[in-house]
Amino acid sequence: MKKLTGTFRNTQWDPYLLIAQIVAMQSLLYVSLASIMYVMDFFAEANHTLDHIFEYHEIHVTDLGGRLVIVAFILNSLVGAGLLWFIVRRTKLCLDFSFTFHFTHLVLCWWYNEAFPATIGWWMLNAVCAALMCVCSEFLCLKTELKEIPVGYTALNQKVDL
């Protein structure tokens, strides 16, 4: 007897697709963060350096430059949510990709500073940004996944023979 096992989506593990999505997400998120940071540096009349992205001492609320760095990271989280929705399109993978970006950012900051990030502001900002990226991308992906699938009619409003 034939076993009927229907699934909504075929989920075969494709390592090449997964690696391509990770590389695309990392690259686009750092490009968007650098672009946002460039605009923020223009408003703060600051020098454009990698310190604003990777130096954990740059995250503070004591002056305009530090606050704009915080705003840039939060805006980048929202951009990241849109990128996750556009590139990955899977609700189940949003947490994984969000964590992957922020873990990679932790490792790069550790390498760039030659010291483990020790400020509470850096940890709080990255926790908030990771949660914001994850929740917003899950919302967007879930909204797309739960769209009604038209059954019985094609795009030309003709009946489909089942």
N, C-alpha and C. Protein backbone atom coordinates (compact mmCIF):
# COMPACT_ATOMS: atom_id res chain seq x y z
N MET A 1 0.84 -1.17 0.00
CA MET A 1 0.00 0.00 0.00
C MET A 1 0.89 1.24 0.00
N LYS A 2 0.52 2.20 -0.79
CA LYS A 2 1.29 3.43 -0.93
C LYS A 2 1.05 4.34 0.26
N LYS A 3 2.13 4.82 0.84
CA LYS A 3 2.04 5.68 2.00
C LYS A 3 1.90 7.13 1.53
N LEU A 4 0.87 7.81 2.00
CA LEU A 4 0.66 9.20 1.64
C LEU A 4 1.32 10.09 2.67
N THR A 5 2.38 10.74 2.28
CA THR A 5 3.05 11.68 3.17
C THR A 5 3.15 13.00 2.45
N GLY A 6 2.28 13.87 2.72
CA GLY A 6 2.30 15.18 2.09
C GLY A 6 2.92 16.20 3.01
N THR A 7 3.70 17.06 2.43
CA THR A 7 4.27 18.15 3.20
C THR A 7 3.99 19.44 2.45
N PHE A 8 3.99 20.52 3.18
CA PHE A 8 3.72 21.82 2.57
C PHE A 8 4.87 22.23 1.66
N ARG A 9 6.08 22.02 2.12
CA ARG A 9 7.25 22.45 1.36
C ARG A 9 8.31 21.36 1.44
N ASN A 10 8.94 21.09 0.33
CA ASN A 10 10.02 20.13 0.30
C ASN A 10 11.25 20.79 0.93
N THR A 11 11.75 20.21 2.00
CA THR A 11 12.87 20.82 2.72
C THR A 11 14.10 19.94 2.65
N GLN A 12 14.71 19.89 1.51
CA GLN A 12 15.96 19.17 1.37
C GLN A 12 17.09 20.09 1.80
N TRP A 13 18.09 19.51 2.42
CA TRP A 13 19.22 20.30 2.89
C TRP A 13 20.15 20.57 1.73
N ASP A 14 20.31 21.85 1.39
CA ASP A 14 21.16 22.25 0.28
C ASP A 14 22.28 23.14 0.83
N PRO A 15 23.47 22.57 1.06
CA PRO A 15 24.54 23.36 1.68
C PRO A 15 25.00 24.54 0.82
N TYR A 16 24.98 24.40 -0.50
CA TYR A 16 25.40 25.48 -1.36
C TYR A 16 24.45 26.67 -1.27
N LEU A 17 23.16 26.40 -1.23
CA LEU A 17 22.17 27.46 -1.07
C LEU A 17 22.33 28.13 0.28
N LEU A 18 22.52 27.36 1.31
CA LEU A 18 22.66 27.89 2.67
C LEU A 18 23.90 28.78 2.78
N ILE A 19 25.03 28.33 2.25
CA ILE A 19 26.26 29.12 2.30
C ILE A 19 26.11 30.39 1.47
N ALA A 20 25.47 30.28 0.31
CA ALA A 20 25.25 31.47 -0.53
C ALA A 20 24.36 32.48 0.18
N GLN A 21 23.33 32.00 0.88
CA GLN A 21 22.45 32.91 1.61
C GLN A 21 23.19 33.57 2.78
N ILE A 22 24.04 32.82 3.48
CA ILE A 22 24.80 33.39 4.60
C ILE A 22 25.76 34.45 4.09
N VAL A 23 26.48 34.16 3.01
CA VAL A 23 27.42 35.14 2.45
C VAL A 23 26.68 36.38 1.95
N ALA A 24 25.56 36.17 1.30
CA ALA A 24 24.77 37.31 0.80
C ALA A 24 24.26 38.17 1.96
N MET A 25 23.76 37.52 3.00
CA MET A 25 23.24 38.28 4.15
C MET A 25 24.35 39.05 4.84
N GLN A 26 25.48 38.40 5.10
CA GLN A 26 26.59 39.08 5.78
C GLN A 26 27.06 40.27 4.95
N SER A 27 27.24 40.06 3.66
CA SER A 27 27.74 41.13 2.80
C SER A 27 26.77 42.29 2.73
N LEU A 28 25.51 42.00 2.49
CA LEU A 28 24.52 43.07 2.35
C LEU A 28 24.27 43.80 3.66
N LEU A 29 24.33 43.08 4.78
CA LEU A 29 24.13 43.75 6.07
C LEU A 29 25.30 44.68 6.39
N TYR A 30 26.51 44.29 6.08
CA TYR A 30 27.64 45.19 6.33
C TYR A 30 27.67 46.35 5.34
N VAL A 31 27.24 46.12 4.10
CA VAL A 31 27.14 47.23 3.14
C VAL A 31 26.08 48.22 3.60
N SER A 32 24.94 47.72 4.05
CA SER A 32 23.88 48.62 4.51
C SER A 32 24.30 49.35 5.79
N LEU A 33 24.98 48.66 6.70
CA LEU A 33 25.46 49.31 7.93
C LEU A 33 26.48 50.39 7.60
N ALA A 34 27.38 50.10 6.68
CA ALA A 34 28.37 51.10 6.29
C ALA A 34 27.70 52.30 5.61
N SER A 35 26.69 52.05 4.80
CA SER A 35 25.98 53.14 4.13
C SER A 35 25.23 54.00 5.14
N ILE A 36 24.53 53.37 6.05
CA ILE A 36 23.81 54.12 7.09
C ILE A 36 24.80 54.89 7.96
N MET A 37 25.90 54.25 8.30
CA MET A 37 26.91 54.89 9.13
C MET A 37 27.54 56.08 8.40
N TYR A 38 27.70 55.99 7.09
CA TYR A 38 28.24 57.09 6.30
C TYR A 38 27.33 58.31 6.41
N VAL A 39 26.04 58.09 6.28
CA VAL A 39 25.07 59.19 6.40
C VAL A 39 25.09 59.75 7.82
N MET A 40 25.13 58.88 8.81
CA MET A 40 25.16 59.34 10.20
C MET A 40 26.44 60.13 10.50
N ASP A 41 27.56 59.69 9.95
CA ASP A 41 28.82 60.42 10.14
C ASP A 41 28.76 61.79 9.48
N PHE A 42 28.04 61.88 8.37
CA PHE A 42 27.88 63.17 7.70
C PHE A 42 27.11 64.14 8.61
N PHE A 43 26.04 63.66 9.25
CA PHE A 43 25.27 64.52 10.15
C PHE A 43 26.06 64.89 11.41
N ALA A 44 26.88 63.98 11.90
CA ALA A 44 27.66 64.24 13.11
C ALA A 44 28.97 64.95 12.80
N GLU A 45 29.25 65.16 11.51
CA GLU A 45 30.49 65.76 11.06
C GLU A 45 31.70 65.03 11.63
N ALA A 46 31.66 63.70 11.54
CA ALA A 46 32.72 62.85 12.06
C ALA A 46 33.50 62.24 10.91
N ASN A 47 34.67 61.72 11.22
CA ASN A 47 35.47 61.01 10.22
C ASN A 47 34.83 59.66 9.94
N HIS A 48 34.95 59.22 8.70
CA HIS A 48 34.38 57.95 8.30
C HIS A 48 35.44 56.86 8.48
N THR A 49 35.32 56.08 9.55
CA THR A 49 36.27 55.00 9.81
C THR A 49 35.54 53.72 10.16
N LEU A 50 36.27 52.63 10.14
CA LEU A 50 35.70 51.35 10.54
C LEU A 50 35.47 51.28 12.05
N ASP A 51 36.06 52.22 12.78
CA ASP A 51 35.87 52.22 14.24
C ASP A 51 34.40 52.35 14.61
N HIS A 52 33.64 53.09 13.82
CA HIS A 52 32.22 53.26 14.14
C HIS A 52 31.44 51.95 14.03
N ILE A 53 31.93 51.04 13.22
CA ILE A 53 31.24 49.76 13.04
C ILE A 53 31.76 48.71 14.01
N PHE A 54 33.07 48.64 14.18
CA PHE A 54 33.66 47.53 14.94
C PHE A 54 34.19 47.90 16.32
N GLU A 55 34.42 49.15 16.59
CA GLU A 55 34.96 49.56 17.89
C GLU A 55 33.82 49.65 18.90
N TYR A 56 33.85 48.80 19.91
CA TYR A 56 32.74 48.75 20.85
C TYR A 56 32.70 49.95 21.79
N HIS A 57 33.77 50.71 21.86
CA HIS A 57 33.77 51.92 22.69
C HIS A 57 33.03 53.07 22.02
N GLU A 58 32.72 52.94 20.74
CA GLU A 58 32.00 53.99 20.02
C GLU A 58 30.51 54.03 20.37
N ILE A 59 30.02 52.99 21.02
CA ILE A 59 28.59 52.91 21.35
C ILE A 59 28.38 53.52 22.74
N HIS A 60 27.88 54.73 22.75
CA HIS A 60 27.61 55.44 24.00
C HIS A 60 26.56 56.52 23.72
N VAL A 61 26.01 57.07 24.78
CA VAL A 61 24.96 58.09 24.63
C VAL A 61 25.43 59.46 25.10
N THR A 62 26.72 59.63 25.30
CA THR A 62 27.21 60.90 25.84
C THR A 62 27.29 62.01 24.80
N ASP A 63 27.39 61.70 23.52
CA ASP A 63 27.41 62.74 22.51
C ASP A 63 26.60 62.31 21.29
N LEU A 64 26.46 63.23 20.34
CA LEU A 64 25.65 62.97 19.16
C LEU A 64 26.20 61.82 18.33
N GLY A 65 27.53 61.74 18.20
CA GLY A 65 28.14 60.67 17.40
C GLY A 65 27.80 59.29 17.92
N GLY A 66 27.87 59.10 19.23
CA GLY A 66 27.54 57.80 19.82
C GLY A 66 26.07 57.45 19.66
N ARG A 67 25.21 58.44 19.82
CA ARG A 67 23.77 58.18 19.64
C ARG A 67 23.44 57.84 18.19
N LEU A 68 24.12 58.49 17.24
CA LEU A 68 23.89 58.18 15.83
C LEU A 68 24.40 56.79 15.47
N VAL A 69 25.46 56.34 16.11
CA VAL A 69 25.93 54.96 15.90
C VAL A 69 24.85 53.98 16.37
N ILE A 70 24.24 54.25 17.51
CA ILE A 70 23.17 53.40 18.02
C ILE A 70 22.00 53.38 17.06
N VAL A 71 21.61 54.56 16.56
CA VAL A 71 20.50 54.64 15.61
C VAL A 71 20.84 53.88 14.33
N ALA A 72 22.09 53.97 13.88
CA ALA A 72 22.50 53.26 12.66
C ALA A 72 22.37 51.75 12.84
N PHE A 73 22.77 51.23 14.00
CA PHE A 73 22.65 49.79 14.23
C PHE A 73 21.18 49.36 14.28
N ILE A 74 20.32 50.17 14.88
CA ILE A 74 18.90 49.83 14.95
C ILE A 74 18.27 49.87 13.55
N LEU A 75 18.60 50.90 12.78
CA LEU A 75 18.09 50.96 11.40
C LEU A 75 18.60 49.79 10.57
N ASN A 76 19.84 49.38 10.81
CA ASN A 76 20.39 48.24 10.08
C ASN A 76 19.65 46.95 10.44
N SER A 77 19.17 46.85 11.67
CA SER A 77 18.38 45.67 12.05
C SER A 77 17.09 45.60 11.24
N LEU A 78 16.46 46.75 11.02
CA LEU A 78 15.24 46.77 10.22
C LEU A 78 15.53 46.45 8.76
N VAL A 79 16.65 46.97 8.25
CA VAL A 79 17.07 46.63 6.89
C VAL A 79 17.36 45.13 6.82
N GLY A 80 18.00 44.59 7.85
CA GLY A 80 18.30 43.16 7.90
C GLY A 80 17.05 42.30 7.89
N ALA A 81 15.99 42.78 8.56
CA ALA A 81 14.72 42.05 8.54
C ALA A 81 14.16 41.99 7.13
N GLY A 82 14.23 43.10 6.42
CA GLY A 82 13.78 43.11 5.03
C GLY A 82 14.63 42.22 4.14
N LEU A 83 15.94 42.23 4.38
CA LEU A 83 16.83 41.37 3.59
C LEU A 83 16.57 39.89 3.86
N LEU A 84 16.33 39.56 5.12
CA LEU A 84 16.00 38.16 5.45
C LEU A 84 14.72 37.74 4.74
N TRP A 85 13.74 38.63 4.73
CA TRP A 85 12.48 38.31 4.05
C TRP A 85 12.71 38.14 2.55
N PHE A 86 13.57 38.97 1.97
CA PHE A 86 13.81 38.92 0.54
C PHE A 86 14.70 37.74 0.12
N ILE A 87 15.72 37.43 0.91
CA ILE A 87 16.70 36.41 0.52
C ILE A 87 16.33 35.03 1.04
N VAL A 88 15.98 34.92 2.32
CA VAL A 88 15.77 33.61 2.94
C VAL A 88 14.32 33.14 2.79
N ARG A 89 13.37 34.01 3.10
CA ARG A 89 11.93 33.74 2.95
C ARG A 89 11.43 32.54 3.75
N ARG A 90 12.07 32.23 4.85
CA ARG A 90 11.63 31.12 5.70
C ARG A 90 11.56 31.59 7.14
N THR A 91 10.41 31.48 7.76
CA THR A 91 10.24 31.90 9.13
C THR A 91 11.14 31.10 10.07
N LYS A 92 11.27 29.82 9.81
CA LYS A 92 12.07 28.96 10.68
C LYS A 92 13.55 29.31 10.68
N LEU A 93 14.03 29.99 9.64
CA LEU A 93 15.46 30.30 9.53
C LEU A 93 15.82 31.71 9.98
N CYS A 94 14.84 32.53 10.33
CA CYS A 94 15.11 33.92 10.69
C CYS A 94 15.99 34.02 11.93
N LEU A 95 15.70 33.24 12.95
CA LEU A 95 16.51 33.27 14.17
C LEU A 95 17.93 32.83 13.87
N ASP A 96 18.09 31.80 13.05
CA ASP A 96 19.42 31.29 12.72
C ASP A 96 20.25 32.34 12.00
N PHE A 97 19.68 33.00 11.00
CA PHE A 97 20.42 33.98 10.23
C PHE A 97 20.69 35.24 11.05
N SER A 98 19.76 35.63 11.88
CA SER A 98 19.97 36.78 12.76
C SER A 98 21.11 36.50 13.74
N PHE A 99 21.08 35.32 14.33
CA PHE A 99 22.16 34.94 15.26
C PHE A 99 23.49 34.83 14.54
N THR A 100 23.50 34.29 13.34
CA THR A 100 24.74 34.14 12.58
C THR A 100 25.38 35.49 12.30
N PHE A 101 24.57 36.47 11.90
CA PHE A 101 25.13 37.80 11.65
C PHE A 101 25.72 38.40 12.92
N HIS A 102 24.99 38.33 14.02
CA HIS A 102 25.45 38.98 15.24
C HIS A 102 26.63 38.21 15.88
N PHE A 103 26.67 36.90 15.73
CA PHE A 103 27.82 36.15 16.22
C PHE A 103 29.06 36.48 15.40
N THR A 104 28.90 36.58 14.08
CA THR A 104 30.01 36.97 13.22
C THR A 104 30.48 38.37 13.57
N HIS A 105 29.53 39.26 13.86
CA HIS A 105 29.90 40.63 14.24
C HIS A 105 30.68 40.62 15.57
N LEU A 106 30.28 39.76 16.50
CA LEU A 106 31.03 39.63 17.76
C LEU A 106 32.47 39.19 17.50
N VAL A 107 32.64 38.19 16.65
CA VAL A 107 33.99 37.68 16.34
C VAL A 107 34.81 38.75 15.64
N LEU A 108 34.21 39.48 14.70
CA LEU A 108 34.95 40.52 14.00
C LEU A 108 35.32 41.68 14.92
N CYS A 109 34.42 42.04 15.84
CA CYS A 109 34.75 43.09 16.81
C CYS A 109 35.86 42.65 17.74
N TRP A 110 35.82 41.40 18.14
CA TRP A 110 36.86 40.84 19.00
C TRP A 110 38.21 40.88 18.29
N TRP A 111 38.23 40.50 17.03
CA TRP A 111 39.46 40.52 16.24
C TRP A 111 39.93 41.95 16.00
N TYR A 112 39.02 42.86 15.63
CA TYR A 112 39.38 44.24 15.31
C TYR A 112 39.95 44.97 16.53
N ASN A 113 39.35 44.77 17.70
CA ASN A 113 39.78 45.46 18.92
C ASN A 113 40.91 44.74 19.64
N GLU A 114 41.14 43.50 19.26
CA GLU A 114 42.10 42.63 19.95
C GLU A 114 41.73 42.47 21.42
N ALA A 115 40.45 42.58 21.70
CA ALA A 115 39.93 42.40 23.06
C ALA A 115 38.45 42.05 22.94
N PHE A 116 37.98 41.28 23.89
CA PHE A 116 36.58 40.89 23.91
C PHE A 116 35.73 42.10 24.29
N PRO A 117 34.61 42.35 23.59
CA PRO A 117 33.77 43.50 23.93
C PRO A 117 33.30 43.43 25.37
N ALA A 118 33.61 44.46 26.14
CA ALA A 118 33.36 44.40 27.58
C ALA A 118 32.36 45.45 28.06
N THR A 119 31.82 46.26 27.17
CA THR A 119 30.89 47.29 27.64
C THR A 119 29.47 46.76 27.60
N ILE A 120 28.70 47.14 28.61
CA ILE A 120 27.31 46.68 28.70
C ILE A 120 26.47 47.29 27.58
N GLY A 121 26.83 48.50 27.15
CA GLY A 121 26.10 49.15 26.07
C GLY A 121 26.20 48.37 24.76
N TRP A 122 27.39 47.83 24.47
CA TRP A 122 27.58 47.06 23.24
C TRP A 122 26.71 45.80 23.28
N TRP A 123 26.72 45.12 24.42
CA TRP A 123 25.95 43.87 24.55
C TRP A 123 24.45 44.15 24.49
N MET A 124 24.00 45.21 25.14
CA MET A 124 22.56 45.54 25.11
C MET A 124 22.13 45.91 23.70
N LEU A 125 22.94 46.74 23.02
CA LEU A 125 22.58 47.15 21.66
C LEU A 125 22.51 45.94 20.73
N ASN A 126 23.47 45.04 20.80
CA ASN A 126 23.45 43.88 19.92
C ASN A 126 22.33 42.91 20.26
N ALA A 127 21.99 42.79 21.54
CA ALA A 127 20.86 41.93 21.92
C ALA A 127 19.55 42.51 21.38
N VAL A 128 19.38 43.81 21.53
CA VAL A 128 18.16 44.46 21.02
C VAL A 128 18.10 44.37 19.50
N CYS A 129 19.22 44.61 18.84
CA CYS A 129 19.24 44.55 17.37
C CYS A 129 18.98 43.13 16.86
N ALA A 130 19.55 42.12 17.53
CA ALA A 130 19.30 40.74 17.12
C ALA A 130 17.83 40.38 17.30
N ALA A 131 17.26 40.77 18.43
CA ALA A 131 15.84 40.48 18.68
C ALA A 131 14.95 41.22 17.68
N LEU A 132 15.28 42.48 17.42
CA LEU A 132 14.49 43.27 16.48
C LEU A 132 14.55 42.69 15.08
N MET A 133 15.75 42.31 14.63
CA MET A 133 15.89 41.71 13.30
C MET A 133 15.13 40.39 13.21
N CYS A 134 15.24 39.58 14.24
CA CYS A 134 14.59 38.27 14.24
C CYS A 134 13.07 38.40 14.24
N VAL A 135 12.53 39.21 15.13
CA VAL A 135 11.07 39.34 15.25
C VAL A 135 10.47 39.98 14.00
N CYS A 136 11.08 41.05 13.51
CA CYS A 136 10.54 41.71 12.32
C CYS A 136 10.62 40.81 11.08
N SER A 137 11.73 40.09 10.92
CA SER A 137 11.85 39.20 9.76
C SER A 137 10.89 38.02 9.87
N GLU A 138 10.70 37.51 11.09
CA GLU A 138 9.72 36.43 11.26
C GLU A 138 8.32 36.91 10.92
N PHE A 139 8.00 38.14 11.31
CA PHE A 139 6.69 38.70 10.99
C PHE A 139 6.50 38.80 9.48
N LEU A 140 7.51 39.34 8.79
CA LEU A 140 7.41 39.48 7.33
C LEU A 140 7.32 38.13 6.64
N CYS A 141 8.16 37.18 7.05
CA CYS A 141 8.14 35.86 6.41
C CYS A 141 6.84 35.12 6.71
N LEU A 142 6.36 35.22 7.93
CA LEU A 142 5.11 34.54 8.30
C LEU A 142 3.94 35.13 7.53
N LYS A 143 3.95 36.44 7.37
CA LYS A 143 2.89 37.10 6.61
C LYS A 143 2.87 36.59 5.16
N THR A 144 4.06 36.38 4.59
CA THR A 144 4.15 35.87 3.23
C THR A 144 3.75 34.40 3.16
N GLU A 145 4.19 33.61 4.14
CA GLU A 145 3.89 32.18 4.12
C GLU A 145 2.40 31.90 4.34
N LEU A 146 1.70 32.79 5.03
CA LEU A 146 0.30 32.56 5.34
C LEU A 146 -0.67 33.17 4.33
N LYS A 147 -0.16 33.66 3.22
CA LYS A 147 -1.03 34.18 2.18
C LYS A 147 -1.89 33.04 1.65
N GLU A 148 -3.09 33.39 1.25
CA GLU A 148 -3.98 32.38 0.69
C GLU A 148 -3.42 31.88 -0.63
N ILE A 149 -3.54 30.59 -0.82
CA ILE A 149 -3.13 29.97 -2.08
C ILE A 149 -4.41 29.75 -2.89
N PRO A 150 -4.53 30.42 -4.01
CA PRO A 150 -5.75 30.27 -4.80
C PRO A 150 -5.85 28.85 -5.37
N VAL A 151 -6.94 28.20 -5.08
CA VAL A 151 -7.17 26.85 -5.56
C VAL A 151 -8.41 26.87 -6.44
N GLY A 152 -8.32 26.29 -7.61
CA GLY A 152 -9.47 26.18 -8.48
C GLY A 152 -9.44 27.13 -9.65
N TYR A 153 -8.64 28.14 -9.60
CA TYR A 153 -8.56 29.08 -10.70
C TYR A 153 -7.10 29.38 -11.02
N THR A 154 -6.82 29.57 -12.28
CA THR A 154 -5.47 29.96 -12.68
C THR A 154 -5.41 31.47 -12.75
N ALA A 155 -4.31 31.97 -13.23
CA ALA A 155 -4.13 33.42 -13.33
C ALA A 155 -5.10 34.04 -14.33
N LEU A 156 -5.57 33.24 -15.27
CA LEU A 156 -6.50 33.76 -16.29
C LEU A 156 -7.95 33.51 -15.93
N ASN A 157 -8.20 33.17 -14.66
CA ASN A 157 -9.55 32.88 -14.16
C ASN A 157 -10.23 31.73 -14.90
N GLN A 158 -9.47 30.74 -15.26
CA GLN A 158 -10.02 29.55 -15.87
C GLN A 158 -9.98 28.45 -14.83
N LYS A 159 -10.95 27.57 -14.88
CA LYS A 159 -10.98 26.47 -13.93
C LYS A 159 -9.85 25.49 -14.22
N VAL A 160 -9.34 24.92 -13.15
CA VAL A 160 -8.25 23.97 -13.27
C VAL A 160 -8.81 22.58 -13.04
N ASP A 161 -8.45 21.65 -13.89
CA ASP A 161 -8.88 20.28 -13.71
C ASP A 161 -7.94 19.59 -12.74
N LEU A 162 -8.51 19.04 -11.67
CA LEU A 162 -7.69 18.34 -10.70
C LEU A 162 -7.74 16.90 -10.94
